[in-house]
Amino acid sequence: MPKKDRTTDAAKEKEKDREKWMARFQVRLVMQPGVDRAIVLQAVKEVTAHCAETGEHPRTAFGGPDTYAVQTGARLVPADRAARVRRNDAAVGTLGSALKRVGEIAGL
């Protein structure tokens, strides 16, 4: 294989890996309590700008996408909003469990 083809293939693989990192980061970030669209857009903008300025791969600059999503959510979501979302999620989970048990008892 000519050297130019190998270089092009390597660049494509690097870009593909970067895209996978960003996609996973966004999915994991959305799963954090209190994260909304504005926070996701802000975080993606920060990562993209940093990588464009430095030429670094996001994994090199920020580590794994899962861990960085948790850190970013904790940094960008106000603590009171995250706590409120956690309480609401717990209440919904408790209600769902209770309804499931009632259904099991009633034979539904």
N, C-alpha and C. Protein backbone atom coordinates (compact mmCIF):
# COMPACT_ATOMS: atom_id res chain seq x y z
N MET A 1 0.85 -1.17 0.00
CA MET A 1 0.00 0.00 0.00
C MET A 1 0.89 1.24 0.00
N PRO A 2 0.62 2.19 -0.87
CA PRO A 2 1.43 3.41 -0.91
C PRO A 2 1.31 4.18 0.40
N LYS A 3 2.38 4.92 0.70
CA LYS A 3 2.45 5.67 1.95
C LYS A 3 1.29 6.65 2.08
N LYS A 4 0.92 7.32 1.00
CA LYS A 4 -0.17 8.30 1.05
C LYS A 4 -1.48 7.64 1.48
N ASP A 5 -1.76 6.43 0.97
CA ASP A 5 -2.97 5.71 1.33
C ASP A 5 -2.97 5.35 2.82
N ARG A 6 -1.80 4.94 3.34
CA ARG A 6 -1.70 4.62 4.76
C ARG A 6 -1.94 5.84 5.62
N THR A 7 -1.40 6.98 5.20
CA THR A 7 -1.59 8.23 5.94
C THR A 7 -3.05 8.63 5.94
N THR A 8 -3.70 8.52 4.79
CA THR A 8 -5.11 8.85 4.67
C THR A 8 -5.95 7.92 5.53
N ASP A 9 -5.65 6.63 5.52
CA ASP A 9 -6.37 5.66 6.33
C ASP A 9 -6.19 5.95 7.82
N ALA A 10 -4.99 6.29 8.21
CA ALA A 10 -4.73 6.61 9.62
C ALA A 10 -5.51 7.85 10.04
N ALA A 11 -5.57 8.84 9.19
CA ALA A 11 -6.31 10.07 9.50
C ALA A 11 -7.81 9.78 9.62
N LYS A 12 -8.30 8.91 8.73
CA LYS A 12 -9.72 8.54 8.79
C LYS A 12 -10.02 7.79 10.08
N GLU A 13 -9.14 6.88 10.48
CA GLU A 13 -9.33 6.13 11.72
C GLU A 13 -9.30 7.05 12.94
N LYS A 14 -8.39 8.01 12.92
CA LYS A 14 -8.29 8.97 14.03
C LYS A 14 -9.58 9.79 14.13
N GLU A 15 -10.08 10.24 13.00
CA GLU A 15 -11.33 11.02 12.97
C GLU A 15 -12.51 10.18 13.43
N LYS A 16 -12.55 8.93 13.00
CA LYS A 16 -13.62 8.03 13.39
C LYS A 16 -13.59 7.78 14.90
N ASP A 17 -12.40 7.62 15.45
CA ASP A 17 -12.25 7.41 16.89
C ASP A 17 -12.68 8.66 17.66
N ARG A 18 -12.33 9.83 17.14
CA ARG A 18 -12.73 11.09 17.78
C ARG A 18 -14.26 11.21 17.78
N GLU A 19 -14.88 10.87 16.67
CA GLU A 19 -16.33 10.94 16.58
C GLU A 19 -17.00 9.97 17.55
N LYS A 20 -16.44 8.78 17.68
CA LYS A 20 -16.98 7.81 18.64
C LYS A 20 -16.87 8.33 20.06
N TRP A 21 -15.72 8.94 20.39
CA TRP A 21 -15.51 9.50 21.72
C TRP A 21 -16.57 10.57 21.99
N MET A 22 -16.76 11.48 21.04
CA MET A 22 -17.72 12.57 21.21
C MET A 22 -19.15 12.04 21.34
N ALA A 23 -19.50 11.05 20.55
CA ALA A 23 -20.85 10.49 20.62
C ALA A 23 -21.09 9.85 21.99
N ARG A 24 -20.14 9.07 22.45
CA ARG A 24 -20.28 8.42 23.76
C ARG A 24 -20.34 9.47 24.87
N PHE A 25 -19.50 10.48 24.78
CA PHE A 25 -19.49 11.55 25.77
C PHE A 25 -20.87 12.22 25.85
N GLN A 26 -21.45 12.53 24.69
CA GLN A 26 -22.76 13.18 24.68
C GLN A 26 -23.85 12.30 25.27
N VAL A 27 -23.84 11.02 24.93
CA VAL A 27 -24.85 10.10 25.46
C VAL A 27 -24.72 9.99 26.97
N ARG A 28 -23.50 9.82 27.44
CA ARG A 28 -23.28 9.70 28.89
C ARG A 28 -23.59 11.00 29.62
N LEU A 29 -23.31 12.13 28.98
CA LEU A 29 -23.59 13.42 29.61
C LEU A 29 -25.09 13.63 29.77
N VAL A 30 -25.86 13.28 28.75
CA VAL A 30 -27.32 13.43 28.82
C VAL A 30 -27.89 12.61 29.97
N MET A 31 -27.24 11.53 30.33
CA MET A 31 -27.73 10.66 31.39
C MET A 31 -27.47 11.23 32.80
N GLN A 32 -26.68 12.28 32.90
CA GLN A 32 -26.36 12.86 34.20
C GLN A 32 -27.55 13.68 34.70
N PRO A 33 -27.82 13.63 36.01
CA PRO A 33 -28.96 14.36 36.57
C PRO A 33 -28.88 15.87 36.29
N GLY A 34 -29.98 16.40 35.75
CA GLY A 34 -30.09 17.84 35.53
C GLY A 34 -29.48 18.35 34.25
N VAL A 35 -28.88 17.48 33.45
CA VAL A 35 -28.26 17.93 32.20
C VAL A 35 -29.36 18.15 31.16
N ASP A 36 -29.31 19.32 30.56
CA ASP A 36 -30.26 19.63 29.49
C ASP A 36 -29.49 19.92 28.20
N ARG A 37 -30.23 20.28 27.18
CA ARG A 37 -29.62 20.51 25.85
C ARG A 37 -28.56 21.60 25.90
N ALA A 38 -28.82 22.66 26.63
CA ALA A 38 -27.87 23.78 26.71
C ALA A 38 -26.54 23.33 27.31
N ILE A 39 -26.61 22.47 28.32
CA ILE A 39 -25.38 21.98 28.95
C ILE A 39 -24.61 21.09 27.99
N VAL A 40 -25.31 20.23 27.28
CA VAL A 40 -24.65 19.36 26.30
C VAL A 40 -23.96 20.21 25.24
N LEU A 41 -24.66 21.20 24.72
CA LEU A 41 -24.07 22.07 23.69
C LEU A 41 -22.85 22.81 24.22
N GLN A 42 -22.93 23.31 25.45
CA GLN A 42 -21.80 24.01 26.05
C GLN A 42 -20.60 23.08 26.19
N ALA A 43 -20.85 21.87 26.69
CA ALA A 43 -19.75 20.91 26.90
C ALA A 43 -19.12 20.50 25.58
N VAL A 44 -19.93 20.23 24.58
CA VAL A 44 -19.41 19.83 23.27
C VAL A 44 -18.58 20.98 22.68
N LYS A 45 -19.08 22.20 22.84
CA LYS A 45 -18.34 23.37 22.34
C LYS A 45 -16.98 23.48 23.03
N GLU A 46 -16.95 23.27 24.35
CA GLU A 46 -15.69 23.34 25.10
C GLU A 46 -14.69 22.30 24.61
N VAL A 47 -15.15 21.06 24.47
CA VAL A 47 -14.26 19.98 24.03
C VAL A 47 -13.77 20.24 22.62
N THR A 48 -14.69 20.59 21.73
CA THR A 48 -14.33 20.84 20.34
C THR A 48 -13.33 21.98 20.22
N ALA A 49 -13.56 23.07 20.94
CA ALA A 49 -12.66 24.22 20.89
C ALA A 49 -11.27 23.84 21.41
N HIS A 50 -11.23 23.12 22.52
CA HIS A 50 -9.94 22.73 23.08
C HIS A 50 -9.16 21.86 22.09
N CYS A 51 -9.84 20.88 21.53
CA CYS A 51 -9.17 19.96 20.60
C CYS A 51 -8.73 20.68 19.32
N ALA A 52 -9.53 21.64 18.86
CA ALA A 52 -9.16 22.41 17.67
C ALA A 52 -7.93 23.28 17.93
N GLU A 53 -7.88 23.87 19.13
CA GLU A 53 -6.75 24.74 19.48
C GLU A 53 -5.46 23.97 19.71
N THR A 54 -5.57 22.81 20.34
CA THR A 54 -4.37 22.07 20.74
C THR A 54 -3.99 20.96 19.77
N GLY A 55 -4.96 20.50 18.98
CA GLY A 55 -4.72 19.36 18.10
C GLY A 55 -4.77 18.03 18.83
N GLU A 56 -5.13 18.07 20.10
CA GLU A 56 -5.20 16.84 20.89
C GLU A 56 -6.47 16.06 20.56
N HIS A 57 -6.39 14.76 20.74
CA HIS A 57 -7.56 13.90 20.68
C HIS A 57 -8.30 14.09 22.01
N PRO A 58 -9.63 14.05 22.01
CA PRO A 58 -10.34 14.26 23.27
C PRO A 58 -9.95 13.27 24.37
N ARG A 59 -9.64 12.03 24.00
CA ARG A 59 -9.23 11.04 25.01
C ARG A 59 -7.92 11.47 25.68
N THR A 60 -7.01 12.03 24.89
CA THR A 60 -5.74 12.49 25.44
C THR A 60 -5.96 13.68 26.37
N ALA A 61 -6.83 14.59 25.95
CA ALA A 61 -7.07 15.81 26.72
C ALA A 61 -7.95 15.59 27.94
N PHE A 62 -8.97 14.72 27.84
CA PHE A 62 -9.99 14.62 28.87
C PHE A 62 -10.16 13.24 29.48
N GLY A 63 -9.50 12.24 28.93
CA GLY A 63 -9.66 10.88 29.44
C GLY A 63 -10.83 10.19 28.77
N GLY A 64 -11.35 9.19 29.44
CA GLY A 64 -12.47 8.43 28.89
C GLY A 64 -13.74 9.26 28.85
N PRO A 65 -14.60 9.02 27.86
CA PRO A 65 -15.81 9.82 27.72
C PRO A 65 -16.80 9.63 28.87
N ASP A 66 -16.87 8.43 29.44
CA ASP A 66 -17.81 8.19 30.55
C ASP A 66 -17.42 9.01 31.78
N THR A 67 -16.16 8.91 32.15
CA THR A 67 -15.68 9.63 33.33
C THR A 67 -15.78 11.13 33.12
N TYR A 68 -15.40 11.59 31.94
CA TYR A 68 -15.45 13.03 31.70
C TYR A 68 -16.90 13.54 31.68
N ALA A 69 -17.84 12.72 31.21
CA ALA A 69 -19.25 13.13 31.22
C ALA A 69 -19.74 13.32 32.65
N VAL A 70 -19.38 12.42 33.54
CA VAL A 70 -19.77 12.55 34.95
C VAL A 70 -19.17 13.82 35.55
N GLN A 71 -17.89 14.04 35.29
CA GLN A 71 -17.21 15.24 35.80
C GLN A 71 -17.84 16.51 35.24
N THR A 72 -18.14 16.50 33.96
CA THR A 72 -18.72 17.67 33.31
C THR A 72 -20.11 17.96 33.84
N GLY A 73 -20.92 16.93 34.01
CA GLY A 73 -22.25 17.11 34.59
C GLY A 73 -22.16 17.72 35.98
N ALA A 74 -21.26 17.21 36.79
CA ALA A 74 -21.08 17.74 38.15
C ALA A 74 -20.62 19.19 38.11
N ARG A 75 -19.82 19.53 37.13
CA ARG A 75 -19.28 20.89 37.03
C ARG A 75 -20.31 21.88 36.48
N LEU A 76 -21.11 21.47 35.51
CA LEU A 76 -21.99 22.41 34.82
C LEU A 76 -23.42 22.47 35.34
N VAL A 77 -23.88 21.42 36.02
CA VAL A 77 -25.25 21.41 36.53
C VAL A 77 -25.24 21.98 37.95
N PRO A 78 -26.07 23.00 38.19
CA PRO A 78 -26.16 23.51 39.56
C PRO A 78 -26.56 22.40 40.53
N ALA A 79 -25.93 22.37 41.68
CA ALA A 79 -26.14 21.28 42.65
C ALA A 79 -27.60 21.13 43.04
N ASP A 80 -28.32 22.24 43.22
CA ASP A 80 -29.73 22.13 43.62
C ASP A 80 -30.57 21.49 42.52
N ARG A 81 -30.27 21.78 41.25
CA ARG A 81 -31.03 21.17 40.16
C ARG A 81 -30.75 19.67 40.09
N ALA A 82 -29.49 19.28 40.22
CA ALA A 82 -29.14 17.85 40.18
C ALA A 82 -29.82 17.10 41.32
N ALA A 83 -29.83 17.70 42.52
CA ALA A 83 -30.47 17.06 43.67
C ALA A 83 -31.97 16.91 43.44
N ARG A 84 -32.60 17.94 42.89
CA ARG A 84 -34.04 17.89 42.61
C ARG A 84 -34.36 16.78 41.61
N VAL A 85 -33.56 16.67 40.57
CA VAL A 85 -33.78 15.63 39.56
C VAL A 85 -33.61 14.24 40.19
N ARG A 86 -32.59 14.08 41.02
CA ARG A 86 -32.38 12.78 41.69
C ARG A 86 -33.58 12.42 42.56
N ARG A 87 -34.11 13.40 43.30
CA ARG A 87 -35.29 13.14 44.15
C ARG A 87 -36.48 12.74 43.30
N ASN A 88 -36.70 13.46 42.20
CA ASN A 88 -37.82 13.14 41.32
C ASN A 88 -37.66 11.76 40.71
N ASP A 89 -36.45 11.42 40.27
CA ASP A 89 -36.19 10.10 39.70
C ASP A 89 -36.43 9.01 40.73
N ALA A 90 -36.02 9.25 41.98
CA ALA A 90 -36.24 8.27 43.05
C ALA A 90 -37.72 8.07 43.31
N ALA A 91 -38.49 9.17 43.31
CA ALA A 91 -39.94 9.07 43.55
C ALA A 91 -40.61 8.29 42.43
N VAL A 92 -40.22 8.56 41.19
CA VAL A 92 -40.80 7.84 40.05
C VAL A 92 -40.43 6.36 40.13
N GLY A 93 -39.20 6.07 40.49
CA GLY A 93 -38.77 4.67 40.64
C GLY A 93 -39.55 3.95 41.73
N THR A 94 -39.77 4.62 42.85
CA THR A 94 -40.52 4.04 43.96
C THR A 94 -41.96 3.77 43.53
N LEU A 95 -42.57 4.73 42.86
CA LEU A 95 -43.94 4.55 42.38
C LEU A 95 -44.02 3.40 41.38
N GLY A 96 -43.06 3.32 40.48
CA GLY A 96 -43.05 2.22 39.51
C GLY A 96 -42.93 0.87 40.19
N SER A 97 -42.08 0.78 41.20
CA SER A 97 -41.92 -0.48 41.94
C SER A 97 -43.21 -0.84 42.66
N ALA A 98 -43.85 0.15 43.27
CA ALA A 98 -45.10 -0.11 43.99
C ALA A 98 -46.18 -0.59 43.03
N LEU A 99 -46.29 0.05 41.88
CA LEU A 99 -47.29 -0.37 40.90
C LEU A 99 -47.02 -1.78 40.38
N LYS A 100 -45.77 -2.11 40.21
CA LYS A 100 -45.41 -3.46 39.77
C LYS A 100 -45.82 -4.49 40.81
N ARG A 101 -45.56 -4.19 42.07
CA ARG A 101 -45.93 -5.12 43.16
C ARG A 101 -47.43 -5.27 43.25
N VAL A 102 -48.17 -4.17 43.11
CA VAL A 102 -49.63 -4.23 43.15
C VAL A 102 -50.13 -5.12 42.02
N GLY A 103 -49.53 -4.95 40.84
CA GLY A 103 -49.90 -5.77 39.70
C GLY A 103 -49.62 -7.25 39.95
N GLU A 104 -48.49 -7.55 40.60
CA GLU A 104 -48.16 -8.93 40.91
C GLU A 104 -49.13 -9.51 41.93
N ILE A 105 -49.48 -8.73 42.92
CA ILE A 105 -50.42 -9.19 43.96
C ILE A 105 -51.79 -9.42 43.35
N ALA A 106 -52.20 -8.49 42.49
CA ALA A 106 -53.53 -8.60 41.86
C ALA A 106 -53.55 -9.62 40.73
N GLY A 107 -52.39 -10.13 40.37
CA GLY A 107 -52.32 -11.11 39.29
C GLY A 107 -52.44 -10.48 37.91
N LEU A 108 -52.09 -9.21 37.80
CA LEU A 108 -52.19 -8.51 36.51
C LEU A 108 -50.96 -8.69 35.69
